[in-house]
C-alpha atoms as a PDB file:
ATOM      1  CA  MET A   1       0.000   0.000   0.000  1.00  0.00           C
ATOM      2  CA  THR A   2       1.308   3.459  -0.856  1.00  0.00           C
ATOM      3  CA  PHE A   3       0.305   6.629   0.942  1.00  0.00           C
ATOM      4  CA  PRO A   4       0.409  10.321   0.043  1.00  0.00           C
ATOM      5  CA  PRO A   5       3.257  12.340   1.605  1.00  0.00           C
ATOM      6  CA  PRO A   6       2.967  12.339   5.406  1.00  0.00           C
ATOM      7  CA  PHE A   7       0.989  15.090   7.076  1.00  0.00           C
ATOM      8  CA  SER A   8       3.391  16.943   9.351  1.00  0.00           C
ATOM      9  CA  VAL A   9       2.214  18.120  12.769  1.00  0.00           C
ATOM     10  CA  ASP A  10       3.570  21.507  13.858  1.00  0.00           C
ATOM     11  CA  SER A  11       4.771  22.540  17.307  1.00  0.00           C
ATOM     12  CA  GLY A  12       1.252  23.585  18.266  1.00  0.00           C
ATOM     13  CA  GLY A  13      -0.285  20.240  17.323  1.00  0.00           C
ATOM     14  CA  TRP A  14      -1.884  21.387  14.046  1.00  0.00           C
ATOM     15  CA  VAL A  15      -1.592  19.917  10.555  1.00  0.00           C
ATOM     16  CA  SER A  16      -1.083  22.772   8.097  1.00  0.00           C
ATOM     17  CA  ARG A  17      -2.462  20.782   5.141  1.00  0.00           C
ATOM     18  CA  ALA A  18      -5.755  20.114   6.933  1.00  0.00           C
ATOM     19  CA  TRP A  19      -8.800  22.369   6.926  1.00  0.00           C
ATOM     20  CA  HIS A  20      -9.046  23.850  10.439  1.00  0.00           C
ATOM     21  CA  CYS A  21     -12.468  23.987  12.099  1.00  0.00           C
ATOM     22  CA  PRO A  22     -11.667  24.674  15.780  1.00  0.00           C
ATOM     23  CA  SER A  23     -13.954  23.018  18.310  1.00  0.00           C
ATOM     24  CA  PRO A  24     -14.554  24.361  21.819  1.00  0.00           C
ATOM     25  CA  ASN A  25     -14.947  20.782  23.064  1.00  0.00           C
ATOM     26  CA  PHE A  26     -11.489  20.055  24.417  1.00  0.00           C
ATOM     27  CA  ASP A  27      -9.322  20.551  27.448  1.00  0.00           C
ATOM     28  CA  LEU A  28      -5.694  20.129  28.412  1.00  0.00           C
ATOM     29  CA  ARG A  29      -3.890  16.830  28.695  1.00  0.00           C
ATOM     30  CA  SER A  30      -2.574  17.865  32.105  1.00  0.00           C
ATOM     31  CA  ARG A  31      -4.552  15.054  33.749  1.00  0.00           C
ATOM     32  CA  SER A  32      -2.306  12.513  32.070  1.00  0.00           C
ATOM     33  CA  GLY A  33       0.942  14.472  32.095  1.00  0.00           C
ATOM     34  CA  SER A  34       2.192  12.630  29.007  1.00  0.00           C
ATOM     35  CA  PRO A  35       1.942  12.882  25.216  1.00  0.00           C
ATOM     36  CA  PRO A  36      -0.586  10.745  23.316  1.00  0.00           C
ATOM     37  CA  ILE A  37       0.419   7.114  22.891  1.00  0.00           C
ATOM     38  CA  LEU A  38      -2.755   5.743  21.256  1.00  0.00           C
ATOM     39  CA  VAL A  39      -4.785   6.515  18.134  1.00  0.00           C
ATOM     40  CA  VAL A  40      -8.487   5.636  18.200  1.00  0.00           C
ATOM     41  CA  ILE A  41     -10.277   5.141  14.869  1.00  0.00           C
ATOM     42  CA  HIS A  42     -13.977   6.065  14.756  1.00  0.00           C
ATOM     43  CA  SER A  43     -16.637   6.335  12.074  1.00  0.00           C
ATOM     44  CA  ILE A  44     -19.427   8.883  11.826  1.00  0.00           C
ATOM     45  CA  SER A  45     -22.209   9.989   9.494  1.00  0.00           C
ATOM     46  CA  LEU A  46     -24.861  12.640  10.088  1.00  0.00           C
ATOM     47  CA  PRO A  47     -27.688  12.086   9.468  1.00  0.00           C
ATOM     48  CA  PRO A  48     -26.980   8.380  10.003  1.00  0.00           C
ATOM     49  CA  GLY A  49     -26.026   6.722   6.734  1.00  0.00           C
ATOM     50  CA  GLN A  50     -25.791  10.005   4.823  1.00  0.00           C
ATOM     51  CA  PHE A  51     -22.516  11.519   3.663  1.00  0.00           C
ATOM     52  CA  GLY A  52     -21.548  15.091   2.895  1.00  0.00           C
ATOM     53  CA  GLY A  53     -22.950  18.305   4.326  1.00  0.00           C
ATOM     54  CA  ARG A  54     -21.767  20.145   7.423  1.00  0.00           C
ATOM     55  CA  ALA A  55     -23.593  18.257  10.171  1.00  0.00           C
ATOM     56  CA  VAL A  56     -20.443  16.620  11.582  1.00  0.00           C
ATOM     57  CA  GLU A  57     -18.631  19.965  11.727  1.00  0.00           C
ATOM     58  CA  ASP A  58     -21.713  21.520  13.317  1.00  0.00           C
ATOM     59  CA  LEU A  59     -21.883  18.752  15.927  1.00  0.00           C
ATOM     60  CA  PHE A  60     -18.246  19.174  16.908  1.00  0.00           C
ATOM     61  CA  THR A  61     -18.588  22.976  17.143  1.00  0.00           C
ATOM     62  CA  ASN A  62     -21.924  22.938  19.051  1.00  0.00           C
ATOM     63  CA  ARG A  63     -23.842  24.429  16.113  1.00  0.00           C
ATOM     64  CA  LEU A  64     -25.987  21.455  15.138  1.00  0.00           C
ATOM     65  CA  ASP A  65     -29.642  22.441  14.680  1.00  0.00           C
ATOM     66  CA  PRO A  66     -31.730  19.783  16.472  1.00  0.00           C
ATOM     67  CA  SER A  67     -34.708  20.578  14.225  1.00  0.00           C
ATOM     68  CA  ALA A  68     -32.792  19.935  10.974  1.00  0.00           C
ATOM     69  CA  HIS A  69     -33.334  16.155  11.117  1.00  0.00           C
ATOM     70  CA  PRO A  70     -35.285  13.871  13.492  1.00  0.00           C
ATOM     71  CA  SER A  71     -32.101  12.035  14.515  1.00  0.00           C
ATOM     72  CA  PHE A  72     -30.474  15.272  15.688  1.00  0.00           C
ATOM     73  CA  GLU A  73     -32.825  15.773  18.645  1.00  0.00           C
ATOM     74  CA  SER A  74     -30.940  13.172  20.699  1.00  0.00           C
ATOM     75  CA  LEU A  75     -27.740  15.141  20.078  1.00  0.00           C
ATOM     76  CA  ARG A  76     -29.132  18.445  21.370  1.00  0.00           C
ATOM     77  CA  ASP A  77     -26.944  18.736  24.479  1.00  0.00           C
ATOM     78  CA  LEU A  78     -24.065  16.526  23.354  1.00  0.00           C
ATOM     79  CA  ARG A  79     -20.620  18.083  23.652  1.00  0.00           C
ATOM     80  CA  VAL A  80     -18.110  15.989  21.729  1.00  0.00           C
ATOM     81  CA  SER A  81     -15.238  16.379  19.317  1.00  0.00           C
ATOM     82  CA  ALA A  82     -12.427  14.507  17.628  1.00  0.00           C
ATOM     83  CA  HIS A  83      -9.022  15.649  16.529  1.00  0.00           C
ATOM     84  CA  PHE A  84      -9.634  14.812  12.864  1.00  0.00           C
ATOM     85  CA  LEU A  85     -12.315  13.923  10.316  1.00  0.00           C
ATOM     86  CA  ILE A  86     -11.503  12.204   7.017  1.00  0.00           C
ATOM     87  CA  ARG A  87     -14.261  12.604   4.426  1.00  0.00           C
ATOM     88  CA  ARG A  88     -15.178  10.034   1.781  1.00  0.00           C
ATOM     89  CA  GLU A  89     -13.096  11.857  -0.850  1.00  0.00           C
ATOM     90  CA  GLY A  90     -10.086  11.902   1.483  1.00  0.00           C
ATOM     91  CA  THR A  91     -10.169  15.523   2.650  1.00  0.00           C
ATOM     92  CA  LEU A  92      -8.838  16.121   6.151  1.00  0.00           C
ATOM     93  CA  THR A  93     -10.410  18.432   8.741  1.00  0.00           C
ATOM     94  CA  GLN A  94      -8.837  19.154  12.138  1.00  0.00           C
ATOM     95  CA  PHE A  95     -10.945  20.281  15.094  1.00  0.00           C
ATOM     96  CA  VAL A  96      -8.570  20.082  18.071  1.00  0.00           C
ATOM     97  CA  SER A  97      -4.807  20.373  18.470  1.00  0.00           C
ATOM     98  CA  THR A  98      -3.211  16.974  18.931  1.00  0.00           C
ATOM     99  CA  ASP A  99      -1.498  18.424  21.992  1.00  0.00           C
ATOM    100  CA  ALA A 100      -4.941  18.907  23.579  1.00  0.00           C
ATOM    101  CA  ARG A 101      -7.528  16.429  24.825  1.00  0.00           C
ATOM    102  CA  ALA A 102     -10.464  16.020  22.423  1.00  0.00           C
ATOM    103  CA  TRP A 103     -13.693  14.514  23.739  1.00  0.00           C
ATOM    104  CA  HIS A 104     -13.995  11.512  21.432  1.00  0.00           C
ATOM    105  CA  ALA A 105     -13.721   8.229  23.340  1.00  0.00           C
ATOM    106  CA  GLY A 106     -16.019   8.726  26.347  1.00  0.00           C
ATOM    107  CA  VAL A 107     -15.976   5.982  28.967  1.00  0.00           C
ATOM    108  CA  SER A 108     -13.121   3.832  27.723  1.00  0.00           C
ATOM    109  CA  GLN A 109     -10.015   1.889  28.626  1.00  0.00           C
ATOM    110  CA  TRP A 110      -6.949   0.511  26.890  1.00  0.00           C
ATOM    111  CA  ALA A 111      -4.263  -1.785  28.280  1.00  0.00           C
ATOM    112  CA  GLY A 112      -5.740  -1.431  31.757  1.00  0.00           C
ATOM    113  CA  ARG A 113      -5.722   2.361  31.643  1.00  0.00           C
ATOM    114  CA  GLN A 114      -9.021   4.208  31.994  1.00  0.00           C
ATOM    115  CA  GLY A 115     -10.127   7.360  30.166  1.00  0.00           C
ATOM    116  CA  CYS A 116      -8.568   7.094  26.709  1.00  0.00           C
ATOM    117  CA  ASN A 117      -9.181  10.769  25.937  1.00  0.00           C
ATOM    118  CA  ASP A 118      -6.299  11.560  28.295  1.00  0.00           C
ATOM    119  CA  PHE A 119      -3.683   9.783  26.187  1.00  0.00           C
ATOM    120  CA  SER A 120      -5.111   9.313  22.697  1.00  0.00           C
ATOM    121  CA  ILE A 121      -5.791  11.023  19.391  1.00  0.00           C
ATOM    122  CA  GLY A 122      -9.235  10.506  17.829  1.00  0.00           C
ATOM    123  CA  ILE A 123      -9.707  10.174  14.068  1.00  0.00           C
ATOM    124  CA  GLU A 124     -13.206  10.036  12.590  1.00  0.00           C
ATOM    125  CA  LEU A 125     -13.763   8.427   9.191  1.00  0.00           C
ATOM    126  CA  GLU A 126     -16.926   9.485   7.403  1.00  0.00           C
ATOM    127  CA  GLY A 127     -18.773   6.192   7.141  1.00  0.00           C
ATOM    128  CA  THR A 128     -20.890   3.580   8.870  1.00  0.00           C
ATOM    129  CA  ASP A 129     -20.375   0.123  10.309  1.00  0.00           C
ATOM    130  CA  HIS A 130     -21.727  -1.403   7.105  1.00  0.00           C
ATOM    131  CA  THR A 131     -20.172   0.774   4.396  1.00  0.00           C
ATOM    132  CA  PRO A 132     -16.683   0.050   3.030  1.00  0.00           C
ATOM    133  CA  PHE A 133     -14.319   2.969   3.438  1.00  0.00           C
ATOM    134  CA  THR A 134     -12.795   4.512   0.312  1.00  0.00           C
ATOM    135  CA  GLU A 135      -9.284   4.235  -1.070  1.00  0.00           C
ATOM    136  CA  ALA A 136      -8.964   8.001  -0.656  1.00  0.00           C
ATOM    137  CA  GLN A 137      -9.788   7.689   3.047  1.00  0.00           C
ATOM    138  CA  TYR A 138      -7.226   4.946   3.576  1.00  0.00           C
ATOM    139  CA  GLY A 139      -4.627   7.037   1.769  1.00  0.00           C
ATOM    140  CA  THR A 140      -5.242  10.119   3.891  1.00  0.00           C
ATOM    141  CA  LEU A 141      -5.381   8.035   7.054  1.00  0.00           C
ATOM    142  CA  GLY A 142      -2.035   6.414   6.273  1.00  0.00           C
ATOM    143  CA  ALA A 143      -0.383   9.775   5.599  1.00  0.00           C
ATOM    144  CA  LEU A 144      -1.868  11.220   8.799  1.00  0.00           C
ATOM    145  CA  LEU A 145      -0.813   8.265  10.929  1.00  0.00           C
ATOM    146  CA  GLU A 146       2.715   8.494   9.582  1.00  0.00           C
ATOM    147  CA  GLY A 147       2.875  12.142  10.604  1.00  0.00           C
ATOM    148  CA  LEU A 148       1.400  11.465  14.047  1.00  0.00           C
ATOM    149  CA  CYS A 149       3.793   8.597  14.696  1.00  0.00           C
ATOM    150  CA  ALA A 150       6.719  10.845  13.752  1.00  0.00           C
ATOM    151  CA  ARG A 151       5.574  13.499  16.237  1.00  0.00           C
ATOM    152  CA  TYR A 152       4.377  11.378  19.183  1.00  0.00           C
ATOM    153  CA  PRO A 153       5.363   8.050  20.816  1.00  0.00           C
ATOM    154  CA  ILE A 154       2.318   6.222  19.426  1.00  0.00           C
ATOM    155  CA  ARG A 155       2.222   2.619  20.651  1.00  0.00           C
ATOM    156  CA  ALA A 156      -0.944   1.351  18.990  1.00  0.00           C
ATOM    157  CA  ILE A 157      -3.835   2.193  16.712  1.00  0.00           C
ATOM    158  CA  THR A 158      -7.160   0.723  17.764  1.00  0.00           C
ATOM    159  CA  GLY A 159     -10.894   1.024  17.131  1.00  0.00           C
ATOM    160  CA  HIS A 160     -13.479   2.790  19.247  1.00  0.00           C
ATOM    161  CA  CYS A 161     -15.132  -0.614  19.589  1.00  0.00           C
ATOM    162  CA  ASP A 162     -11.971  -1.930  21.256  1.00  0.00           C
ATOM    163  CA  VAL A 163     -11.668   0.777  23.909  1.00  0.00           C
ATOM    164  CA  ALA A 164     -15.429   0.831  24.619  1.00  0.00           C
ATOM    165  CA  PRO A 165     -16.583  -2.743  23.881  1.00  0.00           C
ATOM    166  CA  GLY A 166     -20.307  -3.324  24.228  1.00  0.00           C
ATOM    167  CA  ARG A 167     -20.938   0.416  24.084  1.00  0.00           C
ATOM    168  CA  LYS A 168     -19.469   1.309  20.691  1.00  0.00           C
ATOM    169  CA  THR A 169     -19.125  -0.636  17.427  1.00  0.00           C
ATOM    170  CA  ASP A 170     -17.189   1.750  15.193  1.00  0.00           C
ATOM    171  CA  PRO A 171     -15.298   1.809  12.937  1.00  0.00           C
ATOM    172  CA  GLY A 172     -17.139  -1.451  12.294  1.00  0.00           C
ATOM    173  CA  PRO A 173     -16.399  -4.660  10.383  1.00  0.00           C
ATOM    174  CA  CYS A 174     -15.882  -2.832   7.082  1.00  0.00           C
ATOM    175  CA  PHE A 175     -12.674  -1.222   8.340  1.00  0.00           C
ATOM    176  CA  ASP A 176      -9.908  -3.280   6.764  1.00  0.00           C
ATOM    177  CA  TRP A 177      -7.399  -3.938   9.549  1.00  0.00           C
ATOM    178  CA  ALA A 178      -5.773  -6.733   7.536  1.00  0.00           C
ATOM    179  CA  ARG A 179      -4.626  -4.383   4.794  1.00  0.00           C
ATOM    180  CA  TRP A 180      -2.651  -2.411   7.355  1.00  0.00           C
ATOM    181  CA  GLU A 181      -1.011  -5.471   8.835  1.00  0.00           C
ATOM    182  CA  ALA A 182       0.126  -6.637   5.386  1.00  0.00           C
ATOM    183  CA  SER A 183       1.101  -3.232   4.041  1.00  0.00           C
ATOM    184  CA  GLY A 184       4.641  -2.903   5.376  1.00  0.00           C
ATOM    185  CA  TYR A 185       3.578   0.295   7.132  1.00  0.00           C
ATOM    186  CA  PRO A 186       6.651   1.898   8.738  1.00  0.00           C
ATOM    187  CA  VAL A 187       5.130   2.016  12.225  1.00  0.00           C
ATOM    188  CA  GLN A 188       3.490  -0.960  13.878  1.00  0.00           C
ATOM    189  CA  LEU A 189      -0.167  -0.389  13.155  1.00  0.00           C
ATOM    190  CA  LEU A 190      -2.029  -3.075  15.054  1.00  0.00           C
ATOM    191  CA  ARG A 191      -4.893  -3.245  17.439  1.00  0.00           C
ATOM    192  CA  PRO A 192      -4.055  -4.857  20.784  1.00  0.00           C
ATOM    193  CA  LYS A 193      -4.043  -8.641  20.288  1.00  0.00           C
ATOM    194  CA  LYS A 194      -6.630  -9.147  23.011  1.00  0.00           C
ATOM    195  CA  ALA A 195      -9.015  -6.782  21.222  1.00  0.00           C
ATOM    196  CA  ARG A 196      -9.231  -8.656  17.918  1.00  0.00           C
ATOM    197  CA  SER A 197     -12.344 -10.581  18.880  1.00  0.00           C
ATOM    198  CA  GLY A 198     -14.056  -7.443  20.250  1.00  0.00           C
END
């Protein structure tokens, strides 16, 4: 597998080649006192199963109109974010500095450590559990991961379903973990072994 040139992360935790859409839903990593060591892969679509539009950006910036779609009412008071969103065509949006703590994982744990937001970076892929992701998304994801692994001591890349089993299912069975394991990717890009059946 070949990737586009890596996305470099600057000293402030921002990717210059990404579109910046700052979210207010973040805080400092001071609770953990250490740089991120984990990347959590998510998937999202708003309205569910529909792609395009600005609903994801509006959700992460607290501008989502609950009356715009019946499914949005349950999101009325939700305050969440992720560091990045990768659209179906491969475009990259950044909402939170990677040096800060985005609110993406919720109640979660990895390798016996609770609260993954404290020590992880969250990447949303526009998609659903039952929709294959695009080649453009995999390309952008690979280039982003290479840049993140060059900037931070990343130990593993895992799915939201693996840090919050039973509560979350994304990125779902259509995310092709096997292609990463066979790709010769320069950084070990594997979910924790114990999480493979999750």
